[in-house]
Amino acid sequence: MLINTWGLGQGVTSLGLIVNILNIIIFIRQGFKESVNVSLFLLTISDLGSLVFVFFLNLVTTGTTAWIAMERCLCIITPLKVKSLITSRRTVVFVCVLYLISTAS
């Protein structure tokens, strides 16, 4: 699950964002005289919107995991100072900010 979400999932999502942006540019250049172009353009916009949401959702998961990894690393590097550096309040604020960014997207 983690490998799919961080590696493969985020890579495919990033590629999808790039391709959808290129499709939007192409459809705008072609014009909207034909109904097929309008339909495909709107499908591209819809897909882009869903991919943006998935992209930020994956970032929230990755960000939370990175926070945990940093905390564990600090436990090894500075075992006596980690309690003052990483507090419960700072953890809650960090995770809430990540969730707010995800929700805003």
Protein backbone atom coordinates (compact mmCIF):
# COMPACT_ATOMS: atom_id res chain seq x y z
CA MET A 1 0.00 0.00 0.00
CA LEU A 2 2.72 2.47 0.97
CA ILE A 3 4.85 1.69 -2.08
CA ASN A 4 1.84 2.12 -4.36
CA THR A 5 0.79 5.39 -2.72
CA TRP A 6 4.18 7.07 -2.49
CA GLY A 7 6.03 5.72 -5.47
CA LEU A 8 3.83 4.43 -8.22
CA GLY A 9 0.67 6.33 -7.27
CA GLN A 10 2.35 9.72 -6.92
CA GLY A 11 4.34 9.17 -10.12
CA VAL A 12 1.28 8.28 -12.16
CA THR A 13 -0.65 11.17 -10.63
CA SER A 14 2.14 13.61 -11.50
CA LEU A 15 2.29 12.29 -15.05
CA GLY A 16 -1.50 12.59 -15.33
CA LEU A 17 -1.37 16.21 -14.19
CA ILE A 18 1.23 17.05 -16.84
CA VAL A 19 -0.63 15.25 -19.63
CA ASN A 20 -3.96 16.86 -18.72
CA ILE A 21 -2.41 20.32 -18.77
CA LEU A 22 -0.96 19.56 -22.22
CA ASN A 23 -4.38 18.33 -23.37
CA ILE A 24 -6.01 21.55 -22.18
CA ILE A 25 -3.49 23.60 -24.15
CA ILE A 26 -4.11 21.49 -27.27
CA PHE A 27 -7.91 21.72 -27.02
CA ILE A 28 -7.74 25.49 -26.56
CA ARG A 29 -5.55 25.79 -29.66
CA GLN A 30 -7.89 23.56 -31.69
CA GLY A 31 -10.92 25.59 -30.71
CA PHE A 32 -14.38 24.51 -29.64
CA LYS A 33 -16.26 24.49 -32.93
CA GLU A 34 -16.82 20.75 -32.75
CA SER A 35 -18.82 19.21 -29.92
CA VAL A 36 -16.27 16.41 -29.49
CA ASN A 37 -13.58 18.95 -28.58
CA VAL A 38 -15.87 20.51 -25.99
CA SER A 39 -16.68 17.12 -24.46
CA LEU A 40 -13.04 16.02 -24.35
CA PHE A 41 -11.96 19.39 -22.94
CA LEU A 42 -14.50 19.12 -20.12
CA LEU A 43 -13.42 15.53 -19.45
CA THR A 44 -9.82 16.73 -19.21
CA ILE A 45 -10.81 19.49 -16.75
CA SER A 46 -12.71 16.94 -14.63
CA ASP A 47 -9.81 14.50 -14.64
CA LEU A 48 -7.35 17.27 -13.77
CA GLY A 49 -9.49 18.25 -10.78
CA SER A 50 -9.61 14.72 -9.43
CA LEU A 51 -5.87 14.23 -9.96
CA VAL A 52 -5.09 17.42 -8.04
CA PHE A 53 -7.07 16.05 -5.11
CA VAL A 54 -5.27 12.68 -5.25
CA PHE A 55 -1.90 14.45 -5.56
CA PHE A 56 -2.45 16.47 -2.39
CA LEU A 57 -3.94 13.50 -0.55
CA ASN A 58 -0.77 11.53 -1.31
CA LEU A 59 1.31 14.47 -0.10
CA VAL A 60 -0.56 14.48 3.21
CA THR A 61 0.16 10.79 3.70
CA THR A 62 3.77 11.25 2.69
CA GLY A 63 4.13 14.35 4.87
CA THR A 64 2.82 12.56 7.94
CA THR A 65 5.19 9.66 7.33
CA ALA A 66 8.11 12.07 6.84
CA TRP A 67 7.24 13.76 10.15
CA ILE A 68 7.30 10.40 11.93
CA ALA A 69 10.60 9.46 10.27
CA MET A 70 12.13 12.80 11.28
CA GLU A 71 10.99 12.27 14.86
CA ARG A 72 12.59 8.81 14.95
CA CYS A 73 15.79 10.20 13.42
CA LEU A 74 15.95 12.92 16.07
CA CYS A 75 15.54 10.25 18.74
CA ILE A 76 18.83 8.77 17.55
CA ILE A 77 20.71 12.02 16.83
CA THR A 78 19.64 14.03 19.89
CA PRO A 79 17.99 11.62 22.32
CA LEU A 80 17.91 14.10 25.20
CA LYS A 81 16.49 17.04 23.22
CA VAL A 82 13.86 15.32 21.10
CA LYS A 83 11.11 15.81 23.68
CA SER A 84 11.64 19.57 23.60
CA LEU A 85 11.94 19.72 19.79
CA ILE A 86 8.98 17.54 18.83
CA THR A 87 6.09 18.22 21.17
CA SER A 88 2.55 16.90 20.96
CA ARG A 89 1.31 20.39 20.14
CA ARG A 90 3.76 20.80 17.24
CA THR A 91 2.78 17.41 15.89
CA VAL A 92 -0.92 18.26 16.00
CA VAL A 93 -0.30 21.63 14.32
CA PHE A 94 1.83 20.03 11.57
CA VAL A 95 -0.71 17.31 10.79
CA CYS A 96 -3.63 19.78 10.89
CA VAL A 97 -1.85 22.08 8.43
CA LEU A 98 -1.28 19.12 6.11
CA TYR A 99 -4.95 18.15 6.34
CA LEU A 100 -6.08 21.73 5.73
CA ILE A 101 -3.93 21.90 2.59
CA SER A 102 -5.42 18.62 1.43
CA THR A 103 -8.98 19.74 2.16
CA ALA A 104 -8.42 23.09 0.46
CA SER A 105 -7.30 21.33 -2.68
